[in-house]
Structures are given as C-alpha cells and as structure tokens.
C-alpha cells in the first residue's frame, strides 16, 4: 500500500491490487474516501468521489481539501499510478506543507 502524498493529516495512497479507473484512496484518522480521476486528451475532465463500503467517508472539510489536492496534483497521481502499477517502481511520497 504505497503512500504517495501527505497533506495536513490527509494521507493519499494506492492499494496493491488496484483496478482502473485511476483512483487514489484518501484517509484522515478513521475516515476514507476514494477519488477517481478522468482525463481526456491529457486534460483533467472529472474527479468523482466515492465512499468505501464499511468505512465512514471523509468529513466535509477534509473532503474539500482532498479534492483540491487531487485536482492540483492529478498528473502527479497518474504518474505515480504508472510508476507503481505498470513500471513496478515504488513511488516517492510528496509532502505538501503549504495550503492549497
């Protein structure tokens, strides 16, 4: 389960047995939500949020913060997805220390 981004208590990561569409899990304490990322011709077209069965979704503030991070770092998330799932490389963690 590689962690790919840290942002003010939010942890962004993949599970080792993921599937498409490209998505990232985001947790905050005991909460978790999933953000699916969609591109068309290299341009971010949509981010869809879904809940994880059996786990409480992120609280509203953290959900909004996580969405900002996903939208801002969508290309980075896709690159890390490619590194991990296609190239079998462990992605480095990005620690974001400034508010977006």
PDB file of N, CA and C in Angstrom:
ATOM      1  N   UNK A   1       0.855  -1.172   0.000  1.00  0.00           N
ATOM      2  CA  UNK A   1       0.000   0.000   0.000  1.00  0.00           C
ATOM      3  C   UNK A   1       0.898   1.232   0.000  1.00  0.00           C
ATOM      4  N   UNK A   2       1.326   1.687  -1.165  1.00  0.00           N
ATOM      5  CA  UNK A   2       2.218   2.841  -1.200  1.00  0.00           C
ATOM      6  C   UNK A   2       1.496   4.156  -0.897  1.00  0.00           C
ATOM      7  N   UNK A   3       2.077   4.878   0.036  1.00  0.00           N
ATOM      8  CA  UNK A   3       1.607   6.235   0.337  1.00  0.00           C
ATOM      9  C   UNK A   3       2.242   7.138  -0.707  1.00  0.00           C
ATOM     10  N   UNK A   4       1.452   8.044  -1.302  1.00  0.00           N
ATOM     11  CA  UNK A   4       2.018   8.893  -2.354  1.00  0.00           C
ATOM     12  C   UNK A   4       2.028  10.379  -2.017  1.00  0.00           C
ATOM     13  N   UNK A   5       1.070  10.819  -1.177  1.00  0.00           N
ATOM     14  CA  UNK A   5       1.008  12.242  -0.814  1.00  0.00           C
ATOM     15  C   UNK A   5       0.569  12.364   0.636  1.00  0.00           C
ATOM     16  N   UNK A   6       1.159  13.334   1.332  1.00  0.00           N
ATOM     17  CA  UNK A   6       0.714  13.738   2.674  1.00  0.00           C
ATOM     18  C   UNK A   6       0.347  15.214   2.612  1.00  0.00           C
ATOM     19  N   UNK A   7      -0.800  15.554   3.186  1.00  0.00           N
ATOM     20  CA  UNK A   7      -1.250  16.947   3.184  1.00  0.00           C
ATOM     21  C   UNK A   7      -2.039  17.225   4.461  1.00  0.00           C
ATOM     22  N   UNK A   8      -1.417  17.840   5.438  1.00  0.00           N
ATOM     23  CA  UNK A   8      -2.072  18.289   6.664  1.00  0.00           C
ATOM     24  C   UNK A   8      -3.003  17.224   7.262  1.00  0.00           C
ATOM     25  N   UNK A   9      -2.461  16.048   7.479  1.00  0.00           N
ATOM     26  CA  UNK A   9      -3.217  14.966   8.096  1.00  0.00           C
ATOM     27  C   UNK A   9      -3.941  14.056   7.118  1.00  0.00           C
ATOM     28  N   UNK A  10      -4.048  14.465   5.868  1.00  0.00           N
ATOM     29  CA  UNK A  10      -4.643  13.614   4.827  1.00  0.00           C
ATOM     30  C   UNK A  10      -3.548  12.737   4.231  1.00  0.00           C
ATOM     31  N   UNK A  11      -3.839  11.457   4.084  1.00  0.00           N
ATOM     32  CA  UNK A  11      -2.898  10.512   3.501  1.00  0.00           C
ATOM     33  C   UNK A  11      -3.503   9.973   2.212  1.00  0.00           C
ATOM     34  N   UNK A  12      -2.765  10.093   1.110  1.00  0.00           N
ATOM     35  CA  UNK A  12      -3.196   9.646  -0.204  1.00  0.00           C
ATOM     36  C   UNK A  12      -2.386   8.408  -0.553  1.00  0.00           C
ATOM     37  N   UNK A  13      -3.071   7.324  -0.984  1.00  0.00           N
ATOM     38  CA  UNK A  13      -2.354   6.076  -1.234  1.00  0.00           C
ATOM     39  C   UNK A  13      -3.125   5.188  -2.208  1.00  0.00           C
ATOM     40  N   UNK A  14      -2.410   4.170  -2.699  1.00  0.00           N
ATOM     41  CA  UNK A  14      -2.997   3.125  -3.539  1.00  0.00           C
ATOM     42  C   UNK A  14      -2.988   1.834  -2.736  1.00  0.00           C
ATOM     43  N   UNK A  15      -3.887   0.934  -3.064  1.00  0.00           N
ATOM     44  CA  UNK A  15      -3.785  -0.445  -2.598  1.00  0.00           C
ATOM     45  C   UNK A  15      -3.015  -1.220  -3.665  1.00  0.00           C
ATOM     46  N   UNK A  16      -2.364  -2.296  -3.274  1.00  0.00           N
ATOM     47  CA  UNK A  16      -1.501  -3.051  -4.184  1.00  0.00           C
ATOM     48  C   UNK A  16      -2.275  -3.761  -5.296  1.00  0.00           C
ATOM     49  N   UNK A  17      -3.544  -4.030  -5.112  1.00  0.00           N
ATOM     50  CA  UNK A  17      -4.312  -4.769  -6.120  1.00  0.00           C
ATOM     51  C   UNK A  17      -5.389  -3.893  -6.765  1.00  0.00           C
ATOM     52  N   UNK A  18      -5.008  -2.698  -7.174  1.00  0.00           N
ATOM     53  CA  UNK A  18      -5.979  -1.737  -7.705  1.00  0.00           C
ATOM     54  C   UNK A  18      -6.442  -2.086  -9.115  1.00  0.00           C
ATOM     55  N   UNK A  19      -7.394  -1.334  -9.585  1.00  0.00           N
ATOM     56  CA  UNK A  19      -8.027  -1.524 -10.881  1.00  0.00           C
ATOM     57  C   UNK A  19      -8.321  -0.146 -11.454  1.00  0.00           C
ATOM     58  N   UNK A  20      -8.609  -0.102 -12.737  1.00  0.00           N
ATOM     59  CA  UNK A  20      -8.999   1.168 -13.336  1.00  0.00           C
ATOM     60  C   UNK A  20     -10.466   1.433 -13.034  1.00  0.00           C
ATOM     61  N   UNK A  21     -10.930   2.669 -13.064  1.00  0.00           N
ATOM     62  CA  UNK A  21     -10.200   3.860 -13.462  1.00  0.00           C
ATOM     63  C   UNK A  21      -9.140   4.231 -12.427  1.00  0.00           C
ATOM     64  N   UNK A  22      -8.196   5.049 -12.866  1.00  0.00           N
ATOM     65  CA  UNK A  22      -7.157   5.507 -11.959  1.00  0.00           C
ATOM     66  C   UNK A  22      -7.832   6.220 -10.799  1.00  0.00           C
ATOM     67  N   UNK A  23      -7.445   5.845  -9.595  1.00  0.00           N
ATOM     68  CA  UNK A  23      -8.038   6.463  -8.405  1.00  0.00           C
ATOM     69  C   UNK A  23      -7.045   6.410  -7.258  1.00  0.00           C
ATOM     70  N   UNK A  24      -7.327   7.225  -6.266  1.00  0.00           N
ATOM     71  CA  UNK A  24      -6.481   7.292  -5.079  1.00  0.00           C
ATOM     72  C   UNK A  24      -7.378   7.250  -3.848  1.00  0.00           C
ATOM     73  N   UNK A  25      -6.936   6.513  -2.857  1.00  0.00           N
ATOM     74  CA  UNK A  25      -7.638   6.463  -1.573  1.00  0.00           C
ATOM     75  C   UNK A  25      -7.084   7.584  -0.712  1.00  0.00           C
ATOM     76  N   UNK A  26      -7.965   8.227   0.048  1.00  0.00           N
ATOM     77  CA  UNK A  26      -7.541   9.301   0.949  1.00  0.00           C
ATOM     78  C   UNK A  26      -8.114   9.003   2.321  1.00  0.00           C
ATOM     79  N   UNK A  27      -7.229   8.989   3.312  1.00  0.00           N
ATOM     80  CA  UNK A  27      -7.699   8.740   4.674  1.00  0.00           C
ATOM     81  C   UNK A  27      -7.330   9.909   5.582  1.00  0.00           C
ATOM     82  N   UNK A  28      -8.146  10.044   6.588  1.00  0.00           N
ATOM     83  CA  UNK A  28      -7.935  11.043   7.638  1.00  0.00           C
ATOM     84  C   UNK A  28      -8.475  10.406   8.907  1.00  0.00           C
ATOM     85  N   UNK A  29      -7.569  10.072   9.823  1.00  0.00           N
ATOM     86  CA  UNK A  29      -7.944   9.305  11.017  1.00  0.00           C
ATOM     87  C   UNK A  29      -8.658   8.030  10.584  1.00  0.00           C
ATOM     88  N   UNK A  30      -9.884   7.792  11.058  1.00  0.00           N
ATOM     89  CA  UNK A  30     -10.589   6.557  10.712  1.00  0.00           C
ATOM     90  C   UNK A  30     -11.477   6.705   9.474  1.00  0.00           C
ATOM     91  N   UNK A  31     -11.420   7.843   8.801  1.00  0.00           N
ATOM     92  CA  UNK A  31     -12.264   8.122   7.645  1.00  0.00           C
ATOM     93  C   UNK A  31     -11.507   7.838   6.345  1.00  0.00           C
ATOM     94  N   UNK A  32     -12.252   7.494   5.297  1.00  0.00           N
ATOM     95  CA  UNK A  32     -11.626   7.236   3.994  1.00  0.00           C
ATOM     96  C   UNK A  32     -12.624   7.485   2.871  1.00  0.00           C
ATOM     97  N   UNK A  33     -12.127   8.082   1.788  1.00  0.00           N
ATOM     98  CA  UNK A  33     -12.902   8.260   0.560  1.00  0.00           C
ATOM     99  C   UNK A  33     -11.979   7.947  -0.615  1.00  0.00           C
ATOM    100  N   UNK A  34     -12.581   7.691  -1.774  1.00  0.00           N
ATOM    101  CA  UNK A  34     -11.827   7.374  -2.981  1.00  0.00           C
ATOM    102  C   UNK A  34     -12.124   8.441  -4.032  1.00  0.00           C
ATOM    103  N   UNK A  35     -11.059   8.875  -4.721  1.00  0.00           N
ATOM    104  CA  UNK A  35     -11.179   9.886  -5.762  1.00  0.00           C
ATOM    105  C   UNK A  35     -10.760   9.258  -7.089  1.00  0.00           C
ATOM    106  N   UNK A  36     -11.705   9.158  -8.018  1.00  0.00           N
ATOM    107  CA  UNK A  36     -11.429   8.619  -9.347  1.00  0.00           C
ATOM    108  C   UNK A  36     -11.088   9.787 -10.269  1.00  0.00           C
ATOM    109  N   UNK A  37     -10.052   9.603 -11.071  1.00  0.00           N
ATOM    110  CA  UNK A  37      -9.513  10.683 -11.900  1.00  0.00           C
ATOM    111  C   UNK A  37      -9.722  10.339 -13.367  1.00  0.00           C
ATOM    112  N   UNK A  38     -10.305  11.281 -14.123  1.00  0.00           N
ATOM    113  CA  UNK A  38     -10.579  11.050 -15.531  1.00  0.00           C
ATOM    114  C   UNK A  38      -9.929  12.144 -16.381  1.00  0.00           C
ATOM    115  N   UNK A  39      -9.215  11.698 -17.421  1.00  0.00           N
ATOM    116  CA  UNK A  39      -8.552  12.598 -18.357  1.00  0.00           C
ATOM    117  C   UNK A  39      -9.084  12.340 -19.756  1.00  0.00           C
ATOM    118  N   UNK A  40      -9.047  13.389 -20.577  1.00  0.00           N
ATOM    119  CA  UNK A  40      -9.331  13.242 -21.996  1.00  0.00           C
ATOM    120  C   UNK A  40      -8.314  14.095 -22.738  1.00  0.00           C
ATOM    121  N   UNK A  41      -7.582  13.476 -23.634  1.00  0.00           N
ATOM    122  CA  UNK A  41      -6.528  14.155 -24.391  1.00  0.00           C
ATOM    123  C   UNK A  41      -5.543  14.868 -23.466  1.00  0.00           C
ATOM    124  N   UNK A  42      -5.197  14.227 -22.356  1.00  0.00           N
ATOM    125  CA  UNK A  42      -4.207  14.779 -21.432  1.00  0.00           C
ATOM    126  C   UNK A  42      -4.723  15.884 -20.531  1.00  0.00           C
ATOM    127  N   UNK A  43      -6.027  16.145 -20.550  1.00  0.00           N
ATOM    128  CA  UNK A  43      -6.611  17.220 -19.737  1.00  0.00           C
ATOM    129  C   UNK A  43      -7.557  16.593 -18.709  1.00  0.00           C
ATOM    130  N   UNK A  44      -7.428  17.026 -17.466  1.00  0.00           N
ATOM    131  CA  UNK A  44      -8.312  16.550 -16.411  1.00  0.00           C
ATOM    132  C   UNK A  44      -9.737  16.976 -16.738  1.00  0.00           C
ATOM    133  N   UNK A  45     -10.631  15.984 -16.837  1.00  0.00           N
ATOM    134  CA  UNK A  45     -12.018  16.300 -17.177  1.00  0.00           C
ATOM    135  C   UNK A  45     -12.974  16.102 -16.007  1.00  0.00           C
ATOM    136  N   UNK A  46     -12.599  15.223 -15.063  1.00  0.00           N
ATOM    137  CA  UNK A  46     -13.527  14.954 -13.975  1.00  0.00           C
ATOM    138  C   UNK A  46     -12.805  14.270 -12.818  1.00  0.00           C
ATOM    139  N   UNK A  47     -13.268  14.557 -11.622  1.00  0.00           N
ATOM    140  CA  UNK A  47     -12.858  13.840 -10.421  1.00  0.00           C
ATOM    141  C   UNK A  47     -14.151  13.404  -9.744  1.00  0.00           C
ATOM    142  N   UNK A  48     -14.312  12.102  -9.589  1.00  0.00           N
ATOM    143  CA  UNK A  48     -15.517  11.574  -8.947  1.00  0.00           C
ATOM    144  C   UNK A  48     -15.140  10.980  -7.593  1.00  0.00           C
ATOM    145  N   UNK A  49     -15.944  11.297  -6.611  1.00  0.00           N
ATOM    146  CA  UNK A  49     -15.692  10.832  -5.250  1.00  0.00           C
ATOM    147  C   UNK A  49     -16.654   9.700  -4.939  1.00  0.00           C
ATOM    148  N   UNK A  50     -16.111   8.651  -4.342  1.00  0.00           N
ATOM    149  CA  UNK A  50     -16.996   7.567  -3.907  1.00  0.00           C
ATOM    150  C   UNK A  50     -16.605   7.136  -2.499  1.00  0.00           C
ATOM    151  N   UNK A  51     -17.573   6.579  -1.820  1.00  0.00           N
ATOM    152  CA  UNK A  51     -17.352   6.088  -0.461  1.00  0.00           C
ATOM    153  C   UNK A  51     -16.794   4.678  -0.501  1.00  0.00           C
ATOM    154  N   UNK A  52     -16.156   4.290   0.587  1.00  0.00           N
ATOM    155  CA  UNK A  52     -15.636   2.938   0.748  1.00  0.00           C
ATOM    156  C   UNK A  52     -16.617   2.183   1.634  1.00  0.00           C
ATOM    157  N   UNK A  53     -17.065   1.051   1.171  1.00  0.00           N
ATOM    158  CA  UNK A  53     -18.047   0.264   1.921  1.00  0.00           C
ATOM    159  C   UNK A  53     -17.498  -0.100   3.300  1.00  0.00           C
ATOM    160  N   UNK A  54     -18.295   0.191   4.325  1.00  0.00           N
ATOM    161  CA  UNK A  54     -17.929  -0.160   5.690  1.00  0.00           C
ATOM    162  C   UNK A  54     -17.041   0.840   6.401  1.00  0.00           C
ATOM    163  N   UNK A  55     -16.680   1.943   5.717  1.00  0.00           N
ATOM    164  CA  UNK A  55     -15.824   2.965   6.326  1.00  0.00           C
ATOM    165  C   UNK A  55     -16.522   4.318   6.174  1.00  0.00           C
ATOM    166  N   UNK A  56     -16.501   5.112   7.230  1.00  0.00           N
ATOM    167  CA  UNK A  56     -17.101   6.449   7.167  1.00  0.00           C
ATOM    168  C   UNK A  56     -16.316   7.318   6.183  1.00  0.00           C
ATOM    169  N   UNK A  57     -17.017   8.099   5.329  1.00  0.00           N
ATOM    170  CA  UNK A  57     -16.321   8.975   4.386  1.00  0.00           C
ATOM    171  C   UNK A  57     -15.636  10.134   5.103  1.00  0.00           C
ATOM    172  N   UNK A  58     -14.730  10.767   4.398  1.00  0.00           N
ATOM    173  CA  UNK A  58     -14.032  11.927   4.953  1.00  0.00           C
ATOM    174  C   UNK A  58     -15.034  12.986   5.401  1.00  0.00           C
ATOM    175  N   UNK A  59     -14.755  13.665   6.515  1.00  0.00           N
ATOM    176  CA  UNK A  59     -15.597  14.800   6.909  1.00  0.00           C
ATOM    177  C   UNK A  59     -15.552  15.893   5.835  1.00  0.00           C
ATOM    178  N   UNK A  60     -16.540  16.760   5.816  1.00  0.00           N
ATOM    179  CA  UNK A  60     -16.696  17.762   4.756  1.00  0.00           C
ATOM    180  C   UNK A  60     -15.441  18.583   4.508  1.00  0.00           C
ATOM    181  N   UNK A  61     -14.819  19.124   5.550  1.00  0.00           N
ATOM    182  CA  UNK A  61     -13.622  19.960   5.358  1.00  0.00           C
ATOM    183  C   UNK A  61     -12.499  19.161   4.725  1.00  0.00           C
ATOM    184  N   UNK A  62     -12.249  17.963   5.228  1.00  0.00           N
ATOM    185  CA  UNK A  62     -11.169  17.136   4.692  1.00  0.00           C
ATOM    186  C   UNK A  62     -11.498  16.665   3.276  1.00  0.00           C
ATOM    187  N   UNK A  63     -12.771  16.423   2.992  1.00  0.00           N
ATOM    188  CA  UNK A  63     -13.181  16.034   1.653  1.00  0.00           C
ATOM    189  C   UNK A  63     -12.876  17.149   0.655  1.00  0.00           C
ATOM    190  N   UNK A  64     -13.193  18.384   1.025  1.00  0.00           N
ATOM    191  CA  UNK A  64     -12.909  19.537   0.157  1.00  0.00           C
ATOM    192  C   UNK A  64     -11.412  19.724  -0.032  1.00  0.00           C
ATOM    193  N   UNK A  65     -10.649  19.601   1.068  1.00  0.00           N
ATOM    194  CA  UNK A  65      -9.190  19.727   0.970  1.00  0.00           C
ATOM    195  C   UNK A  65      -8.609  18.636   0.079  1.00  0.00           C
ATOM    196  N   UNK A  66      -9.091  17.406   0.251  1.00  0.00           N
ATOM    197  CA  UNK A  66      -8.596  16.289  -0.550  1.00  0.00           C
ATOM    198  C   UNK A  66      -8.910  16.506  -2.025  1.00  0.00           C
ATOM    199  N   UNK A  67     -10.098  17.015  -2.323  1.00  0.00           N
ATOM    200  CA  UNK A  67     -10.461  17.259  -3.716  1.00  0.00           C
ATOM    201  C   UNK A  67      -9.539  18.306  -4.337  1.00  0.00           C
ATOM    202  N   UNK A  68      -9.208  19.353  -3.596  1.00  0.00           N
ATOM    203  CA  UNK A  68      -8.272  20.373  -4.094  1.00  0.00           C
ATOM    204  C   UNK A  68      -6.918  19.752  -4.414  1.00  0.00           C
ATOM    205  N   UNK A  69      -6.449  18.882  -3.520  1.00  0.00           N
ATOM    206  CA  UNK A  69      -5.158  18.233  -3.738  1.00  0.00           C
ATOM    207  C   UNK A  69      -5.220  17.342  -4.974  1.00  0.00           C
ATOM    208  N   UNK A  70      -6.271  16.557  -5.094  1.00  0.00           N
ATOM    209  CA  UNK A  70      -6.406  15.661  -6.247  1.00  0.00           C
ATOM    210  C   UNK A  70      -6.456  16.464  -7.540  1.00  0.00           C
ATOM    211  N   UNK A  71      -7.216  17.538  -7.561  1.00  0.00           N
ATOM    212  CA  UNK A  71      -7.304  18.359  -8.771  1.00  0.00           C
ATOM    213  C   UNK A  71      -5.967  19.017  -9.093  1.00  0.00           C
ATOM    214  N   UNK A  72      -5.270  19.502  -8.072  1.00  0.00           N
ATOM    215  CA  UNK A  72      -3.983  20.177  -8.272  1.00  0.00           C
ATOM    216  C   UNK A  72      -2.880  19.191  -8.658  1.00  0.00           C
ATOM    217  N   UNK A  73      -2.897  18.006  -8.090  1.00  0.00           N
ATOM    218  CA  UNK A  73      -1.827  17.019  -8.289  1.00  0.00           C
ATOM    219  C   UNK A  73      -2.282  15.820  -9.128  1.00  0.00           C
ATOM    220  N   UNK A  74      -3.291  15.996  -9.945  1.00  0.00           N
ATOM    221  CA  UNK A  74      -3.827  14.880 -10.738  1.00  0.00           C
ATOM    222  C   UNK A  74      -2.752  14.232 -11.610  1.00  0.00           C
ATOM    223  N   UNK A  75      -1.950  15.021 -12.282  1.00  0.00           N
ATOM    224  CA  UNK A  75      -0.899  14.456 -13.146  1.00  0.00           C
ATOM    225  C   UNK A  75       0.133  13.698 -12.312  1.00  0.00           C
ATOM    226  N   UNK A  76       0.458  14.219 -11.149  1.00  0.00           N
ATOM    227  CA  UNK A  76       1.400  13.537 -10.268  1.00  0.00           C
ATOM    228  C   UNK A  76       0.829  12.192  -9.822  1.00  0.00           C
ATOM    229  N   UNK A  77      -0.439  12.173  -9.488  1.00  0.00           N
ATOM    230  CA  UNK A  77      -1.086  10.916  -9.068  1.00  0.00           C
ATOM    231  C   UNK A  77      -1.052   9.905 -10.211  1.00  0.00           C
ATOM    232  N   UNK A  78      -1.343  10.345 -11.416  1.00  0.00           N
ATOM    233  CA  UNK A  78      -1.319   9.456 -12.576  1.00  0.00           C
ATOM    234  C   UNK A  78       0.100   8.931 -12.813  1.00  0.00           C
ATOM    235  N   UNK A  79       1.099   9.801 -12.690  1.00  0.00           N
ATOM    236  CA  UNK A  79       2.491   9.366 -12.860  1.00  0.00           C
ATOM    237  C   UNK A  79       2.866   8.315 -11.817  1.00  0.00           C
ATOM    238  N   UNK A  80       2.444   8.528 -10.580  1.00  0.00           N
ATOM    239  CA  UNK A  80       2.749   7.580  -9.515  1.00  0.00           C
ATOM    240  C   UNK A  80       1.995   6.263  -9.730  1.00  0.00           C
ATOM    241  N   UNK A  81       0.765   6.336 -10.242  1.00  0.00           N
ATOM    242  CA  UNK A  81      -0.004   5.138 -10.597  1.00  0.00           C
ATOM    243  C   UNK A  81       0.778   4.330 -11.647  1.00  0.00           C
ATOM    244  N   UNK A  82       1.244   5.033 -12.689  1.00  0.00           N
ATOM    245  CA  UNK A  82       2.007   4.381 -13.752  1.00  0.00           C
ATOM    246  C   UNK A  82       3.292   3.767 -13.205  1.00  0.00           C
ATOM    247  N   UNK A  83       4.013   4.528 -12.394  1.00  0.00           N
ATOM    248  CA  UNK A  83       5.248   4.010 -11.796  1.00  0.00           C
ATOM    249  C   UNK A  83       4.983   2.727 -11.017  1.00  0.00           C
ATOM    250  N   UNK A  84       3.935   2.734 -10.192  1.00  0.00           N
ATOM    251  CA  UNK A  84       3.689   1.605  -9.308  1.00  0.00           C
ATOM    252  C   UNK A  84       3.080   0.399 -10.038  1.00  0.00           C
ATOM    253  N   UNK A  85       2.022   0.625 -10.813  1.00  0.00           N
ATOM    254  CA  UNK A  85       1.284  -0.490 -11.387  1.00  0.00           C
ATOM    255  C   UNK A  85       1.822  -0.973 -12.731  1.00  0.00           C
ATOM    256  N   UNK A  86       2.497  -0.116 -13.469  1.00  0.00           N
ATOM    257  CA  UNK A  86       2.994  -0.527 -14.788  1.00  0.00           C
ATOM    258  C   UNK A  86       4.507  -0.767 -14.760  1.00  0.00           C
ATOM    259  N   UNK A  87       5.244   0.164 -14.145  1.00  0.00           N
ATOM    260  CA  UNK A  87       6.705   0.043 -14.133  1.00  0.00           C
ATOM    261  C   UNK A  87       7.241  -0.683 -12.898  1.00  0.00           C
ATOM    262  N   UNK A  88       6.349  -1.031 -11.970  1.00  0.00           N
ATOM    263  CA  UNK A  88       6.732  -1.734 -10.732  1.00  0.00           C
ATOM    264  C   UNK A  88       7.802  -0.999  -9.930  1.00  0.00           C
ATOM    265  N   UNK A  89       7.692   0.330  -9.904  1.00  0.00           N
ATOM    266  CA  UNK A  89       8.607   1.159  -9.121  1.00  0.00           C
ATOM    267  C   UNK A  89       7.860   1.714  -7.912  1.00  0.00           C
ATOM    268  N   UNK A  90       8.538   1.760  -6.781  1.00  0.00           N
ATOM    269  CA  UNK A  90       7.922   2.331  -5.576  1.00  0.00           C
ATOM    270  C   UNK A  90       7.913   3.856  -5.697  1.00  0.00           C
ATOM    271  N   UNK A  91       6.742   4.472  -5.629  1.00  0.00           N
ATOM    272  CA  UNK A  91       6.688   5.939  -5.756  1.00  0.00           C
ATOM    273  C   UNK A  91       7.158   6.639  -4.488  1.00  0.00           C
ATOM    274  N   UNK A  92       7.825   7.770  -4.663  1.00  0.00           N
ATOM    275  CA  UNK A  92       8.250   8.581  -3.534  1.00  0.00           C
ATOM    276  C   UNK A  92       7.052   9.369  -2.998  1.00  0.00           C
ATOM    277  N   UNK A  93       7.068   9.651  -1.713  1.00  0.00           N
ATOM    278  CA  UNK A  93       5.996  10.406  -1.080  1.00  0.00           C
ATOM    279  C   UNK A  93       6.207  11.898  -1.281  1.00  0.00           C
ATOM    280  N   UNK A  94       5.157  12.603  -1.682  1.00  0.00           N
ATOM    281  CA  UNK A  94       5.178  14.057  -1.801  1.00  0.00           C
ATOM    282  C   UNK A  94       4.565  14.601  -0.518  1.00  0.00           C
ATOM    283  N   UNK A  95       5.331  15.410   0.221  1.00  0.00           N
ATOM    284  CA  UNK A  95       4.816  16.023   1.453  1.00  0.00           C
ATOM    285  C   UNK A  95       4.526  17.494   1.157  1.00  0.00           C
ATOM    286  N   UNK A  96       3.244  17.823   1.145  1.00  0.00           N
ATOM    287  CA  UNK A  96       2.825  19.183   0.841  1.00  0.00           C
ATOM    288  C   UNK A  96       2.694  19.943   2.159  1.00  0.00           C
ATOM    289  N   UNK A  97       3.462  21.016   2.298  1.00  0.00           N
ATOM    290  CA  UNK A  97       3.491  21.756   3.560  1.00  0.00           C
ATOM    291  C   UNK A  97       2.883  23.138   3.465  1.00  0.00           C
ATOM    292  N   UNK A  98       2.375  23.502   2.291  1.00  0.00           N
ATOM    293  CA  UNK A  98       1.709  24.799   2.121  1.00  0.00           C
ATOM    294  C   UNK A  98       0.259  24.544   1.720  1.00  0.00           C
ATOM    295  N   UNK A  99      -0.635  25.324   2.291  1.00  0.00           N
ATOM    296  CA  UNK A  99      -2.067  25.173   1.987  1.00  0.00           C
ATOM    297  C   UNK A  99      -2.331  25.467   0.509  1.00  0.00           C
ATOM    298  N   UNK A 100      -3.215  24.693  -0.057  1.00  0.00           N
ATOM    299  CA  UNK A 100      -3.602  24.891  -1.453  1.00  0.00           C
ATOM    300  C   UNK A 100      -4.843  25.765  -1.479  1.00  0.00           C
TER     301      UNK A 100
END
